[in-house]
């Protein structure tokens, strides 16, 4: 576990944890790089050269499959991905592109989703400690259900689930974090937000969350996360000790 070195701020007692989904609960690379490729080829109508240009526009290298931090693919909604594609396609943009992308995200998310290491152990330990948990994702609610619902017990551990279409806005806006706090009856200062993207941490900051925790291994380098986070963890399972240290 590492911290960003911010001094002078005592860690608050944490009684609720709001997780990002992709890159946090789900392994981003194994889950999303094939899906991003699929939506690009769909939008390009099978034209490989154009599909590769669309992938680059939305943030994924078609050769290395790396994804740029903060890009539409890394942190955006299906509307953000569609807008990035439309910038390149112009009048050739397929009708209903955003809706089609959302449908592919849902179907392919169920097919490709792979849990990040340590998810079950982390959720079990937090549950045993009486921590209330939820999910805030820029995916749609149907996409969340499709990609996490195939992994027994994960959704059951959550008392709150919000997507970009749940009525609370999208990240980096504060709406989903504030809605979680209201739904579970906790002060926002007793909630930790955990994510692999600056969007997650900015949501937490704007909402006034008690703890902003970055997770390495997603799409954002550790030093970029450290600029926004109170803590940066190398592995999800380290979250258990991080939360306990604020309750002792």
C-alpha atoms as a PDB file:
ATOM      1  CA  UNK A   1       0.000   0.000   0.000  1.00  0.00           C
ATOM      2  CA  UNK A   2       1.253   3.487  -0.769  1.00  0.00           C
ATOM      3  CA  UNK A   3       0.008   6.947   0.033  1.00  0.00           C
ATOM      4  CA  UNK A   4       0.410  10.163  -1.869  1.00  0.00           C
ATOM      5  CA  UNK A   5       2.236  11.810   0.985  1.00  0.00           C
ATOM      6  CA  UNK A   6      -0.471  14.332   1.918  1.00  0.00           C
ATOM      7  CA  UNK A   7       0.105  15.334   5.489  1.00  0.00           C
ATOM      8  CA  UNK A   8      -1.978  16.971   8.145  1.00  0.00           C
ATOM      9  CA  UNK A   9      -5.280  15.306   7.302  1.00  0.00           C
ATOM     10  CA  UNK A  10      -6.364  12.657   9.817  1.00  0.00           C
ATOM     11  CA  UNK A  11      -8.101   9.682   8.255  1.00  0.00           C
ATOM     12  CA  UNK A  12     -11.818   9.746   9.041  1.00  0.00           C
ATOM     13  CA  UNK A  13     -13.855   6.835  10.273  1.00  0.00           C
ATOM     14  CA  UNK A  14     -15.175   5.045   7.189  1.00  0.00           C
ATOM     15  CA  UNK A  15     -18.499   3.209   7.317  1.00  0.00           C
ATOM     16  CA  UNK A  16     -19.347   3.142   3.616  1.00  0.00           C
ATOM     17  CA  UNK A  17     -17.373   2.332   0.468  1.00  0.00           C
ATOM     18  CA  UNK A  18     -18.461   3.343  -3.033  1.00  0.00           C
ATOM     19  CA  UNK A  19     -16.646   1.359  -5.719  1.00  0.00           C
ATOM     20  CA  UNK A  20     -16.015   2.185  -9.325  1.00  0.00           C
ATOM     21  CA  UNK A  21     -16.622  -0.860 -11.541  1.00  0.00           C
ATOM     22  CA  UNK A  22     -14.181  -1.062 -14.452  1.00  0.00           C
ATOM     23  CA  UNK A  23     -10.535  -1.188 -13.427  1.00  0.00           C
ATOM     24  CA  UNK A  24     -11.568  -1.553  -9.797  1.00  0.00           C
ATOM     25  CA  UNK A  25     -13.942  -4.500  -9.390  1.00  0.00           C
ATOM     26  CA  UNK A  26     -13.361  -5.693 -12.952  1.00  0.00           C
ATOM     27  CA  UNK A  27      -9.973  -6.231 -14.564  1.00  0.00           C
ATOM     28  CA  UNK A  28      -9.999  -3.488 -17.192  1.00  0.00           C
ATOM     29  CA  UNK A  29      -7.673  -5.036 -19.750  1.00  0.00           C
ATOM     30  CA  UNK A  30      -9.234  -8.495 -19.854  1.00  0.00           C
ATOM     31  CA  UNK A  31     -12.757  -7.101 -19.847  1.00  0.00           C
ATOM     32  CA  UNK A  32     -12.765  -3.961 -21.951  1.00  0.00           C
ATOM     33  CA  UNK A  33     -10.046  -3.984 -24.591  1.00  0.00           C
ATOM     34  CA  UNK A  34     -11.904  -6.558 -26.748  1.00  0.00           C
ATOM     35  CA  UNK A  35     -15.183  -4.699 -26.227  1.00  0.00           C
ATOM     36  CA  UNK A  36     -13.658  -1.375 -27.254  1.00  0.00           C
ATOM     37  CA  UNK A  37     -12.387  -3.030 -30.409  1.00  0.00           C
ATOM     38  CA  UNK A  38     -15.852  -4.430 -31.146  1.00  0.00           C
ATOM     39  CA  UNK A  39     -17.612  -1.076 -30.888  1.00  0.00           C
ATOM     40  CA  UNK A  40     -14.973   0.564 -33.085  1.00  0.00           C
ATOM     41  CA  UNK A  41     -15.420  -2.036 -35.820  1.00  0.00           C
ATOM     42  CA  UNK A  42     -19.184  -1.668 -35.553  1.00  0.00           C
ATOM     43  CA  UNK A  43     -18.991   2.108 -35.987  1.00  0.00           C
ATOM     44  CA  UNK A  44     -16.536   1.695 -38.878  1.00  0.00           C
ATOM     45  CA  UNK A  45     -18.842  -0.856 -40.533  1.00  0.00           C
ATOM     46  CA  UNK A  46     -15.971  -3.347 -40.652  1.00  0.00           C
ATOM     47  CA  UNK A  47     -13.387  -1.033 -42.214  1.00  0.00           C
ATOM     48  CA  UNK A  48     -10.239  -2.045 -40.313  1.00  0.00           C
ATOM     49  CA  UNK A  49      -8.222   1.098 -40.995  1.00  0.00           C
ATOM     50  CA  UNK A  50     -11.111   3.315 -39.942  1.00  0.00           C
ATOM     51  CA  UNK A  51     -11.811   1.172 -36.876  1.00  0.00           C
ATOM     52  CA  UNK A  52      -8.214   1.602 -35.760  1.00  0.00           C
ATOM     53  CA  UNK A  53      -8.518   5.377 -36.152  1.00  0.00           C
ATOM     54  CA  UNK A  54     -11.713   5.339 -34.103  1.00  0.00           C
ATOM     55  CA  UNK A  55     -10.022   3.331 -31.375  1.00  0.00           C
ATOM     56  CA  UNK A  56      -7.216   5.866 -31.180  1.00  0.00           C
ATOM     57  CA  UNK A  57      -9.734   8.724 -31.098  1.00  0.00           C
ATOM     58  CA  UNK A  58     -11.502   7.155 -28.104  1.00  0.00           C
ATOM     59  CA  UNK A  59      -8.259   6.305 -26.324  1.00  0.00           C
ATOM     60  CA  UNK A  60      -7.134   2.742 -27.125  1.00  0.00           C
ATOM     61  CA  UNK A  61      -4.049   1.788 -29.119  1.00  0.00           C
ATOM     62  CA  UNK A  62      -5.071  -0.875 -31.665  1.00  0.00           C
ATOM     63  CA  UNK A  63      -1.598  -2.446 -31.556  1.00  0.00           C
ATOM     64  CA  UNK A  64      -0.693  -2.535 -27.863  1.00  0.00           C
ATOM     65  CA  UNK A  65      -4.291  -2.423 -26.544  1.00  0.00           C
ATOM     66  CA  UNK A  66      -3.251   0.124 -23.927  1.00  0.00           C
ATOM     67  CA  UNK A  67      -5.887   2.699 -22.988  1.00  0.00           C
ATOM     68  CA  UNK A  68      -5.186   6.349 -22.253  1.00  0.00           C
ATOM     69  CA  UNK A  69      -6.099   7.536 -18.772  1.00  0.00           C
ATOM     70  CA  UNK A  70      -9.119   9.826 -18.774  1.00  0.00           C
ATOM     71  CA  UNK A  71     -10.075   8.960 -22.355  1.00  0.00           C
ATOM     72  CA  UNK A  72     -13.662   8.164 -23.386  1.00  0.00           C
ATOM     73  CA  UNK A  73     -12.867   4.446 -23.336  1.00  0.00           C
ATOM     74  CA  UNK A  74     -11.215   4.687 -19.925  1.00  0.00           C
ATOM     75  CA  UNK A  75     -13.633   6.883 -18.035  1.00  0.00           C
ATOM     76  CA  UNK A  76     -16.473   8.033 -20.252  1.00  0.00           C
ATOM     77  CA  UNK A  77     -20.045   6.973 -20.833  1.00  0.00           C
ATOM     78  CA  UNK A  78     -21.362   5.378 -24.029  1.00  0.00           C
ATOM     79  CA  UNK A  79     -22.377   8.899 -25.060  1.00  0.00           C
ATOM     80  CA  UNK A  80     -18.772  10.081 -24.648  1.00  0.00           C
ATOM     81  CA  UNK A  81     -17.493   7.216 -26.813  1.00  0.00           C
ATOM     82  CA  UNK A  82     -20.118   7.943 -29.462  1.00  0.00           C
ATOM     83  CA  UNK A  83     -19.178  11.638 -29.455  1.00  0.00           C
ATOM     84  CA  UNK A  84     -15.493  10.780 -29.933  1.00  0.00           C
ATOM     85  CA  UNK A  85     -16.360   8.536 -32.868  1.00  0.00           C
ATOM     86  CA  UNK A  86     -18.643  11.166 -34.394  1.00  0.00           C
ATOM     87  CA  UNK A  87     -15.817  13.715 -34.391  1.00  0.00           C
ATOM     88  CA  UNK A  88     -14.047  11.480 -36.886  1.00  0.00           C
ATOM     89  CA  UNK A  89     -17.004  10.003 -38.771  1.00  0.00           C
ATOM     90  CA  UNK A  90     -18.981  13.175 -39.314  1.00  0.00           C
ATOM     91  CA  UNK A  91     -21.886  12.579 -41.692  1.00  0.00           C
ATOM     92  CA  UNK A  92     -20.955   8.886 -41.900  1.00  0.00           C
ATOM     93  CA  UNK A  93     -21.897   8.350 -38.234  1.00  0.00           C
ATOM     94  CA  UNK A  94     -24.336   5.429 -37.962  1.00  0.00           C
ATOM     95  CA  UNK A  95     -27.787   6.324 -36.674  1.00  0.00           C
ATOM     96  CA  UNK A  96     -28.411   5.616 -33.016  1.00  0.00           C
ATOM     97  CA  UNK A  97     -24.693   5.128 -32.425  1.00  0.00           C
ATOM     98  CA  UNK A  98     -24.728   5.783 -28.667  1.00  0.00           C
ATOM     99  CA  UNK A  99     -27.581   3.331 -28.121  1.00  0.00           C
ATOM    100  CA  UNK A 100     -25.836   0.667 -30.180  1.00  0.00           C
ATOM    101  CA  UNK A 101     -22.622   1.147 -28.209  1.00  0.00           C
ATOM    102  CA  UNK A 102     -24.569   0.771 -24.952  1.00  0.00           C
ATOM    103  CA  UNK A 103     -26.111  -2.469 -26.238  1.00  0.00           C
ATOM    104  CA  UNK A 104     -22.685  -3.867 -27.173  1.00  0.00           C
ATOM    105  CA  UNK A 105     -21.264  -2.808 -23.811  1.00  0.00           C
ATOM    106  CA  UNK A 106     -24.058  -4.729 -22.105  1.00  0.00           C
ATOM    107  CA  UNK A 107     -23.887  -7.899 -24.219  1.00  0.00           C
ATOM    108  CA  UNK A 108     -20.111  -8.084 -24.538  1.00  0.00           C
ATOM    109  CA  UNK A 109     -19.643  -7.016 -20.914  1.00  0.00           C
ATOM    110  CA  UNK A 110     -21.454 -10.147 -19.815  1.00  0.00           C
ATOM    111  CA  UNK A 111     -19.313 -12.220 -22.170  1.00  0.00           C
ATOM    112  CA  UNK A 112     -15.873 -10.813 -21.341  1.00  0.00           C
ATOM    113  CA  UNK A 113     -16.121  -9.572 -17.753  1.00  0.00           C
ATOM    114  CA  UNK A 114     -13.292 -10.748 -15.493  1.00  0.00           C
ATOM    115  CA  UNK A 115     -13.040  -9.838 -11.830  1.00  0.00           C
ATOM    116  CA  UNK A 116      -9.987  -8.023 -10.551  1.00  0.00           C
ATOM    117  CA  UNK A 117      -7.791  -9.965  -8.166  1.00  0.00           C
ATOM    118  CA  UNK A 118      -9.002 -10.052  -4.588  1.00  0.00           C
ATOM    119  CA  UNK A 119     -12.594  -8.899  -5.139  1.00  0.00           C
ATOM    120  CA  UNK A 120     -14.294 -11.687  -3.219  1.00  0.00           C
ATOM    121  CA  UNK A 121     -11.851 -11.501  -0.323  1.00  0.00           C
ATOM    122  CA  UNK A 122     -12.205  -7.723  -0.110  1.00  0.00           C
ATOM    123  CA  UNK A 123     -15.996  -7.709  -0.187  1.00  0.00           C
ATOM    124  CA  UNK A 124     -16.200 -10.481   2.398  1.00  0.00           C
ATOM    125  CA  UNK A 125     -13.842  -8.697   4.787  1.00  0.00           C
ATOM    126  CA  UNK A 126     -15.597  -5.346   4.443  1.00  0.00           C
ATOM    127  CA  UNK A 127     -18.990  -6.961   4.933  1.00  0.00           C
ATOM    128  CA  UNK A 128     -17.759  -8.729   8.065  1.00  0.00           C
ATOM    129  CA  UNK A 129     -16.533  -5.372   9.369  1.00  0.00           C
ATOM    130  CA  UNK A 130     -19.988  -3.859   8.902  1.00  0.00           C
ATOM    131  CA  UNK A 131     -19.022  -1.593   6.009  1.00  0.00           C
ATOM    132  CA  UNK A 132     -21.879  -0.629   3.657  1.00  0.00           C
ATOM    133  CA  UNK A 133     -20.962  -0.948  -0.020  1.00  0.00           C
ATOM    134  CA  UNK A 134     -22.159   0.407  -3.341  1.00  0.00           C
ATOM    135  CA  UNK A 135     -21.162   0.873  -6.972  1.00  0.00           C
ATOM    136  CA  UNK A 136     -20.961   4.041  -9.065  1.00  0.00           C
ATOM    137  CA  UNK A 137     -20.111   3.517 -12.730  1.00  0.00           C
ATOM    138  CA  UNK A 138     -20.212   5.490 -15.956  1.00  0.00           C
ATOM    139  CA  UNK A 139     -21.570   2.324 -17.553  1.00  0.00           C
ATOM    140  CA  UNK A 140     -25.354   2.014 -17.773  1.00  0.00           C
ATOM    141  CA  UNK A 141     -27.251   0.240 -15.017  1.00  0.00           C
ATOM    142  CA  UNK A 142     -28.019  -2.611 -17.426  1.00  0.00           C
ATOM    143  CA  UNK A 143     -24.331  -2.819 -18.269  1.00  0.00           C
ATOM    144  CA  UNK A 144     -23.410  -3.038 -14.595  1.00  0.00           C
ATOM    145  CA  UNK A 145     -25.913  -5.834 -14.050  1.00  0.00           C
ATOM    146  CA  UNK A 146     -24.682  -7.706 -17.130  1.00  0.00           C
ATOM    147  CA  UNK A 147     -20.970  -7.534 -16.356  1.00  0.00           C
ATOM    148  CA  UNK A 148     -21.106  -8.112 -12.598  1.00  0.00           C
ATOM    149  CA  UNK A 149     -24.231 -10.246 -12.401  1.00  0.00           C
ATOM    150  CA  UNK A 150     -22.384 -13.240 -13.817  1.00  0.00           C
ATOM    151  CA  UNK A 151     -20.064 -13.257 -10.803  1.00  0.00           C
ATOM    152  CA  UNK A 152     -22.026 -14.827  -7.956  1.00  0.00           C
ATOM    153  CA  UNK A 153     -22.347 -12.731  -4.818  1.00  0.00           C
ATOM    154  CA  UNK A 154     -20.805  -9.471  -6.037  1.00  0.00           C
ATOM    155  CA  UNK A 155     -24.056  -7.619  -6.667  1.00  0.00           C
ATOM    156  CA  UNK A 156     -25.577  -9.147  -3.527  1.00  0.00           C
ATOM    157  CA  UNK A 157     -22.923  -7.361  -1.466  1.00  0.00           C
ATOM    158  CA  UNK A 158     -24.040  -3.962  -2.770  1.00  0.00           C
ATOM    159  CA  UNK A 159     -26.879  -1.980  -1.226  1.00  0.00           C
ATOM    160  CA  UNK A 160     -26.613   0.788  -3.844  1.00  0.00           C
ATOM    161  CA  UNK A 161     -25.870   0.588  -7.564  1.00  0.00           C
ATOM    162  CA  UNK A 162     -25.842   3.570  -9.917  1.00  0.00           C
ATOM    163  CA  UNK A 163     -24.948   3.922 -13.574  1.00  0.00           C
ATOM    164  CA  UNK A 164     -24.753   6.960 -15.820  1.00  0.00           C
ATOM    165  CA  UNK A 165     -28.466   6.557 -16.597  1.00  0.00           C
ATOM    166  CA  UNK A 166     -29.691   6.159 -13.000  1.00  0.00           C
ATOM    167  CA  UNK A 167     -30.654   9.795 -12.589  1.00  0.00           C
ATOM    168  CA  UNK A 168     -27.665  11.015 -10.561  1.00  0.00           C
ATOM    169  CA  UNK A 169     -25.515  12.251 -13.431  1.00  0.00           C
ATOM    170  CA  UNK A 170     -22.196  10.834 -14.569  1.00  0.00           C
ATOM    171  CA  UNK A 171     -18.709  11.063 -13.114  1.00  0.00           C
ATOM    172  CA  UNK A 172     -16.861  13.314 -12.434  1.00  0.00           C
ATOM    173  CA  UNK A 173     -20.026  14.977 -11.156  1.00  0.00           C
ATOM    174  CA  UNK A 174     -20.762  14.379  -7.455  1.00  0.00           C
ATOM    175  CA  UNK A 175     -24.301  13.054  -7.894  1.00  0.00           C
ATOM    176  CA  UNK A 176     -23.710   9.323  -7.533  1.00  0.00           C
ATOM    177  CA  UNK A 177     -21.607   9.730  -4.395  1.00  0.00           C
ATOM    178  CA  UNK A 178     -24.163  12.041  -2.803  1.00  0.00           C
ATOM    179  CA  UNK A 179     -26.981   9.657  -3.756  1.00  0.00           C
ATOM    180  CA  UNK A 180     -25.122   6.756  -2.133  1.00  0.00           C
ATOM    181  CA  UNK A 181     -24.694   8.708   1.088  1.00  0.00           C
ATOM    182  CA  UNK A 182     -28.382   9.615   1.144  1.00  0.00           C
ATOM    183  CA  UNK A 183     -29.507   6.083   0.285  1.00  0.00           C
ATOM    184  CA  UNK A 184     -27.521   4.424   3.065  1.00  0.00           C
ATOM    185  CA  UNK A 185     -27.997   7.162   5.649  1.00  0.00           C
ATOM    186  CA  UNK A 186     -24.328   7.975   6.190  1.00  0.00           C
ATOM    187  CA  UNK A 187     -22.593  11.359   6.295  1.00  0.00           C
ATOM    188  CA  UNK A 188     -20.617  11.829   3.100  1.00  0.00           C
ATOM    189  CA  UNK A 189     -17.528  12.328   5.268  1.00  0.00           C
ATOM    190  CA  UNK A 190     -17.763   8.692   6.420  1.00  0.00           C
ATOM    191  CA  UNK A 191     -17.677   7.350   2.867  1.00  0.00           C
ATOM    192  CA  UNK A 192     -14.624   6.265   0.867  1.00  0.00           C
ATOM    193  CA  UNK A 193     -14.689   6.315  -2.924  1.00  0.00           C
ATOM    194  CA  UNK A 194     -12.453   3.735  -4.589  1.00  0.00           C
ATOM    195  CA  UNK A 195     -11.511   3.870  -8.259  1.00  0.00           C
ATOM    196  CA  UNK A 196      -8.825   3.599 -10.903  1.00  0.00           C
ATOM    197  CA  UNK A 197      -9.540   6.889 -12.684  1.00  0.00           C
ATOM    198  CA  UNK A 198      -9.235  10.575 -11.880  1.00  0.00           C
ATOM    199  CA  UNK A 199     -12.970  10.855 -12.678  1.00  0.00           C
ATOM    200  CA  UNK A 200     -13.692   8.677  -9.626  1.00  0.00           C
ATOM    201  CA  UNK A 201     -11.521  10.751  -7.336  1.00  0.00           C
ATOM    202  CA  UNK A 202     -12.855  14.040  -8.676  1.00  0.00           C
ATOM    203  CA  UNK A 203     -16.404  12.814  -7.997  1.00  0.00           C
ATOM    204  CA  UNK A 204     -15.315  12.031  -4.441  1.00  0.00           C
ATOM    205  CA  UNK A 205     -13.696  15.440  -3.962  1.00  0.00           C
ATOM    206  CA  UNK A 206     -16.664  17.336  -5.343  1.00  0.00           C
ATOM    207  CA  UNK A 207     -19.057  15.367  -3.149  1.00  0.00           C
ATOM    208  CA  UNK A 208     -16.927  15.857  -0.033  1.00  0.00           C
ATOM    209  CA  UNK A 209     -16.205  12.154   0.522  1.00  0.00           C
ATOM    210  CA  UNK A 210     -14.142  11.330   3.578  1.00  0.00           C
ATOM    211  CA  UNK A 211     -11.510   9.337   1.708  1.00  0.00           C
ATOM    212  CA  UNK A 212     -10.411   9.227  -1.921  1.00  0.00           C
ATOM    213  CA  UNK A 213      -8.646   5.954  -2.753  1.00  0.00           C
ATOM    214  CA  UNK A 214      -6.942   5.198  -6.044  1.00  0.00           C
ATOM    215  CA  UNK A 215      -6.338   1.661  -7.275  1.00  0.00           C
ATOM    216  CA  UNK A 216      -3.373   0.811  -9.482  1.00  0.00           C
ATOM    217  CA  UNK A 217      -3.739  -1.661 -12.322  1.00  0.00           C
ATOM    218  CA  UNK A 218      -6.518   0.117 -14.188  1.00  0.00           C
ATOM    219  CA  UNK A 219      -6.003   2.806 -16.806  1.00  0.00           C
ATOM    220  CA  UNK A 220      -4.314   5.519 -14.729  1.00  0.00           C
ATOM    221  CA  UNK A 221      -0.651   5.671 -13.655  1.00  0.00           C
ATOM    222  CA  UNK A 222       0.051   5.750  -9.923  1.00  0.00           C
ATOM    223  CA  UNK A 223       1.547   9.245  -9.970  1.00  0.00           C
ATOM    224  CA  UNK A 224      -1.558  10.662 -11.669  1.00  0.00           C
ATOM    225  CA  UNK A 225      -3.817   8.990  -9.107  1.00  0.00           C
ATOM    226  CA  UNK A 226      -1.610  10.244  -6.276  1.00  0.00           C
ATOM    227  CA  UNK A 227      -2.235  13.857  -7.259  1.00  0.00           C
ATOM    228  CA  UNK A 228      -5.955  13.414  -6.501  1.00  0.00           C
ATOM    229  CA  UNK A 229      -6.049  10.580  -3.949  1.00  0.00           C
ATOM    230  CA  UNK A 230      -5.595  10.394  -0.196  1.00  0.00           C
ATOM    231  CA  UNK A 231      -4.278   6.849  -0.653  1.00  0.00           C
ATOM    232  CA  UNK A 232      -3.122   4.817  -3.623  1.00  0.00           C
ATOM    233  CA  UNK A 233      -3.336   1.046  -3.260  1.00  0.00           C
ATOM    234  CA  UNK A 234      -1.429  -1.461  -5.339  1.00  0.00           C
ATOM    235  CA  UNK A 235      -4.071  -4.167  -4.811  1.00  0.00           C
ATOM    236  CA  UNK A 236      -7.752  -4.067  -3.945  1.00  0.00           C
ATOM    237  CA  UNK A 237      -7.343  -6.327  -0.905  1.00  0.00           C
ATOM    238  CA  UNK A 238      -5.232  -3.592   0.730  1.00  0.00           C
ATOM    239  CA  UNK A 239      -8.448  -1.602   1.046  1.00  0.00           C
ATOM    240  CA  UNK A 240      -9.439  -3.678   4.072  1.00  0.00           C
ATOM    241  CA  UNK A 241      -6.472  -2.531   6.159  1.00  0.00           C
ATOM    242  CA  UNK A 242      -6.805   1.028   4.848  1.00  0.00           C
ATOM    243  CA  UNK A 243     -10.399   1.233   6.062  1.00  0.00           C
ATOM    244  CA  UNK A 244      -9.671  -0.448   9.392  1.00  0.00           C
ATOM    245  CA  UNK A 245      -6.866   1.984  10.154  1.00  0.00           C
ATOM    246  CA  UNK A 246      -9.349   4.831  10.150  1.00  0.00           C
ATOM    247  CA  UNK A 247     -11.682   3.076  12.571  1.00  0.00           C
ATOM    248  CA  UNK A 248      -9.194   2.261  15.306  1.00  0.00           C
END
